[in-house]
Amino acid sequence: MSKTKKVASAGRFGARYGKRIRESVIEIEKKQRQKQKCPHCTKLTAKRVAKGLWACKNCGKRFTGGAYYLE
């Protein structure tokens, strides 16, 4: 099952939960899957490992942060 450009990752919900909620889920998931800036080495190499747990591929440090993205 392919996802269209409009619904993206929220296509798994189908017609449920309403348009606004599905749009906010799309925005959150788009941000959380991007590489984030590591607070230790300041490079865009931090990636989300689990909820609130992040790891940097450059310096190898693991640290806590936001649940969905680092701020």
N, C-alpha and C. Protein backbone atom coordinates (compact mmCIF):
# COMPACT_ATOMS: atom_id res chain seq x y z
N MET A 1 0.84 -1.18 0.00
CA MET A 1 0.00 0.00 0.00
C MET A 1 0.88 1.24 0.00
N SER A 2 0.77 2.03 -1.04
CA SER A 2 1.61 3.22 -1.13
C SER A 2 0.90 4.41 -0.52
N LYS A 3 1.68 5.34 -0.01
CA LYS A 3 1.13 6.53 0.62
C LYS A 3 1.22 7.68 -0.39
N THR A 4 0.17 8.45 -0.49
CA THR A 4 0.20 9.58 -1.41
C THR A 4 0.97 10.74 -0.79
N LYS A 5 1.30 11.70 -1.60
CA LYS A 5 2.08 12.84 -1.14
C LYS A 5 1.30 13.65 -0.09
N LYS A 6 -0.01 13.73 -0.23
CA LYS A 6 -0.83 14.56 0.64
C LYS A 6 -0.93 14.00 2.06
N VAL A 7 -1.11 12.70 2.20
CA VAL A 7 -1.31 12.14 3.54
C VAL A 7 -0.03 11.60 4.15
N ALA A 8 0.97 11.35 3.36
CA ALA A 8 2.30 10.91 3.83
C ALA A 8 2.21 9.78 4.84
N SER A 9 2.88 9.93 5.98
CA SER A 9 2.92 8.86 6.97
C SER A 9 1.60 8.70 7.72
N ALA A 10 0.74 9.71 7.67
CA ALA A 10 -0.55 9.62 8.36
C ALA A 10 -1.56 8.81 7.55
N GLY A 11 -1.16 8.30 6.42
CA GLY A 11 -2.04 7.47 5.62
C GLY A 11 -2.41 6.18 6.32
N ARG A 12 -1.64 5.79 7.31
CA ARG A 12 -1.94 4.57 8.06
C ARG A 12 -3.19 4.71 8.90
N PHE A 13 -3.65 5.95 9.15
CA PHE A 13 -4.85 6.17 9.93
C PHE A 13 -6.13 6.12 9.10
N GLY A 14 -5.99 6.19 7.78
CA GLY A 14 -7.17 6.17 6.91
C GLY A 14 -7.99 7.43 7.11
N ALA A 15 -9.30 7.28 7.21
CA ALA A 15 -10.20 8.43 7.37
C ALA A 15 -10.48 8.75 8.83
N ARG A 16 -9.77 8.15 9.74
CA ARG A 16 -10.04 8.33 11.16
C ARG A 16 -9.32 9.56 11.75
N TYR A 17 -9.80 10.04 12.86
CA TYR A 17 -9.20 11.06 13.73
C TYR A 17 -9.29 12.50 13.25
N GLY A 18 -9.69 12.77 12.05
CA GLY A 18 -9.83 14.15 11.58
C GLY A 18 -8.59 14.68 10.88
N LYS A 19 -8.83 15.66 10.04
CA LYS A 19 -7.77 16.20 9.20
C LYS A 19 -6.69 16.94 10.00
N ARG A 20 -7.09 17.76 10.97
CA ARG A 20 -6.12 18.56 11.73
C ARG A 20 -5.14 17.69 12.50
N ILE A 21 -5.64 16.68 13.14
CA ILE A 21 -4.78 15.80 13.92
C ILE A 21 -3.81 15.06 13.01
N ARG A 22 -4.31 14.56 11.89
CA ARG A 22 -3.43 13.85 10.95
C ARG A 22 -2.37 14.78 10.37
N GLU A 23 -2.72 16.04 10.11
CA GLU A 23 -1.73 17.00 9.61
C GLU A 23 -0.65 17.29 10.66
N SER A 24 -1.06 17.41 11.93
CA SER A 24 -0.05 17.66 12.97
C SER A 24 0.85 16.45 13.17
N VAL A 25 0.31 15.24 13.00
CA VAL A 25 1.13 14.03 13.08
C VAL A 25 2.16 14.02 11.96
N ILE A 26 1.76 14.43 10.78
CA ILE A 26 2.69 14.49 9.63
C ILE A 26 3.85 15.43 9.95
N GLU A 27 3.55 16.63 10.49
CA GLU A 27 4.59 17.60 10.80
C GLU A 27 5.53 17.10 11.89
N ILE A 28 4.99 16.50 12.94
CA ILE A 28 5.82 15.98 14.03
C ILE A 28 6.73 14.88 13.53
N GLU A 29 6.18 13.94 12.75
CA GLU A 29 6.99 12.81 12.29
C GLU A 29 8.03 13.24 11.26
N LYS A 30 7.73 14.26 10.49
CA LYS A 30 8.71 14.77 9.53
C LYS A 30 9.91 15.36 10.27
N LYS A 31 9.64 16.11 11.35
CA LYS A 31 10.71 16.70 12.15
C LYS A 31 11.51 15.65 12.91
N GLN A 32 10.83 14.65 13.46
CA GLN A 32 11.51 13.67 14.30
C GLN A 32 12.42 12.75 13.49
N ARG A 33 12.16 12.58 12.22
CA ARG A 33 12.99 11.69 11.40
C ARG A 33 14.18 12.40 10.77
N GLN A 34 14.27 13.71 10.93
CA GLN A 34 15.40 14.46 10.40
C GLN A 34 16.59 14.36 11.34
N LYS A 35 17.78 14.59 10.80
CA LYS A 35 18.97 14.66 11.64
C LYS A 35 18.92 15.96 12.43
N GLN A 36 19.27 15.88 13.70
CA GLN A 36 19.22 17.04 14.58
C GLN A 36 20.64 17.47 14.95
N LYS A 37 20.77 18.65 15.50
CA LYS A 37 22.06 19.19 15.89
C LYS A 37 22.49 18.63 17.24
N CYS A 38 23.66 18.01 17.29
CA CYS A 38 24.19 17.43 18.52
C CYS A 38 24.64 18.55 19.46
N PRO A 39 24.22 18.52 20.73
CA PRO A 39 24.64 19.57 21.66
C PRO A 39 26.11 19.47 22.07
N HIS A 40 26.75 18.33 21.83
CA HIS A 40 28.15 18.14 22.22
C HIS A 40 29.12 18.57 21.12
N CYS A 41 28.89 18.10 19.90
CA CYS A 41 29.83 18.43 18.81
C CYS A 41 29.25 19.44 17.81
N THR A 42 28.02 19.87 18.01
CA THR A 42 27.31 20.87 17.19
C THR A 42 27.24 20.54 15.70
N LYS A 43 27.16 19.26 15.36
CA LYS A 43 26.98 18.86 13.97
C LYS A 43 25.60 18.25 13.80
N LEU A 44 25.10 18.24 12.59
CA LEU A 44 23.77 17.69 12.30
C LEU A 44 23.86 16.17 12.17
N THR A 45 24.20 15.49 13.24
CA THR A 45 24.37 14.04 13.18
C THR A 45 23.59 13.29 14.26
N ALA A 46 22.81 14.00 15.07
CA ALA A 46 22.05 13.34 16.13
C ALA A 46 20.78 12.74 15.53
N LYS A 47 20.50 11.52 15.93
CA LYS A 47 19.34 10.81 15.42
C LYS A 47 18.56 10.23 16.59
N ARG A 48 17.26 10.18 16.48
CA ARG A 48 16.39 9.67 17.53
C ARG A 48 16.51 8.15 17.61
N VAL A 49 16.81 7.65 18.80
CA VAL A 49 16.94 6.21 19.03
C VAL A 49 15.63 5.66 19.60
N ALA A 50 15.10 6.35 20.57
CA ALA A 50 13.83 5.98 21.21
C ALA A 50 13.19 7.27 21.70
N LYS A 51 12.04 7.14 22.36
CA LYS A 51 11.33 8.31 22.85
C LYS A 51 12.20 9.05 23.87
N GLY A 52 12.67 10.25 23.52
CA GLY A 52 13.49 11.05 24.42
C GLY A 52 14.96 10.67 24.45
N LEU A 53 15.37 9.69 23.69
CA LEU A 53 16.76 9.23 23.68
C LEU A 53 17.36 9.48 22.30
N TRP A 54 18.50 10.14 22.28
CA TRP A 54 19.16 10.54 21.04
C TRP A 54 20.60 10.05 21.04
N ALA A 55 21.13 9.82 19.84
CA ALA A 55 22.52 9.38 19.69
C ALA A 55 23.17 10.15 18.55
N CYS A 56 24.43 10.52 18.76
CA CYS A 56 25.18 11.25 17.75
C CYS A 56 26.09 10.27 17.02
N LYS A 57 26.04 10.28 15.71
CA LYS A 57 26.89 9.37 14.94
C LYS A 57 28.32 9.88 14.85
N ASN A 58 28.51 11.19 15.01
CA ASN A 58 29.85 11.76 14.89
C ASN A 58 30.69 11.51 16.16
N CYS A 59 30.17 11.95 17.32
CA CYS A 59 30.96 11.82 18.55
C CYS A 59 30.60 10.58 19.35
N GLY A 60 29.54 9.88 18.98
CA GLY A 60 29.18 8.63 19.64
C GLY A 60 28.48 8.79 20.99
N LYS A 61 28.12 10.01 21.35
CA LYS A 61 27.46 10.23 22.64
C LYS A 61 25.97 9.93 22.53
N ARG A 62 25.42 9.43 23.65
CA ARG A 62 23.98 9.23 23.76
C ARG A 62 23.48 10.18 24.83
N PHE A 63 22.36 10.82 24.58
CA PHE A 63 21.85 11.81 25.51
C PHE A 63 20.34 11.87 25.42
N THR A 64 19.75 12.53 26.41
CA THR A 64 18.31 12.68 26.43
C THR A 64 17.93 14.05 25.89
N GLY A 65 16.72 14.14 25.43
CA GLY A 65 16.23 15.39 24.88
C GLY A 65 14.73 15.33 24.74
N GLY A 66 14.21 16.08 23.81
CA GLY A 66 12.77 16.09 23.58
C GLY A 66 12.29 14.74 23.05
N ALA A 67 11.02 14.49 23.23
CA ALA A 67 10.45 13.21 22.81
C ALA A 67 10.44 13.08 21.29
N TYR A 68 10.16 14.19 20.59
CA TYR A 68 10.03 14.11 19.15
C TYR A 68 11.18 14.78 18.40
N TYR A 69 11.69 15.90 18.92
CA TYR A 69 12.82 16.55 18.28
C TYR A 69 13.58 17.38 19.31
N LEU A 70 14.85 17.63 19.02
CA LEU A 70 15.69 18.43 19.92
C LEU A 70 15.42 19.91 19.68
N GLU A 71 15.43 20.66 20.76
CA GLU A 71 15.22 22.10 20.61
C GLU A 71 16.42 22.87 21.09
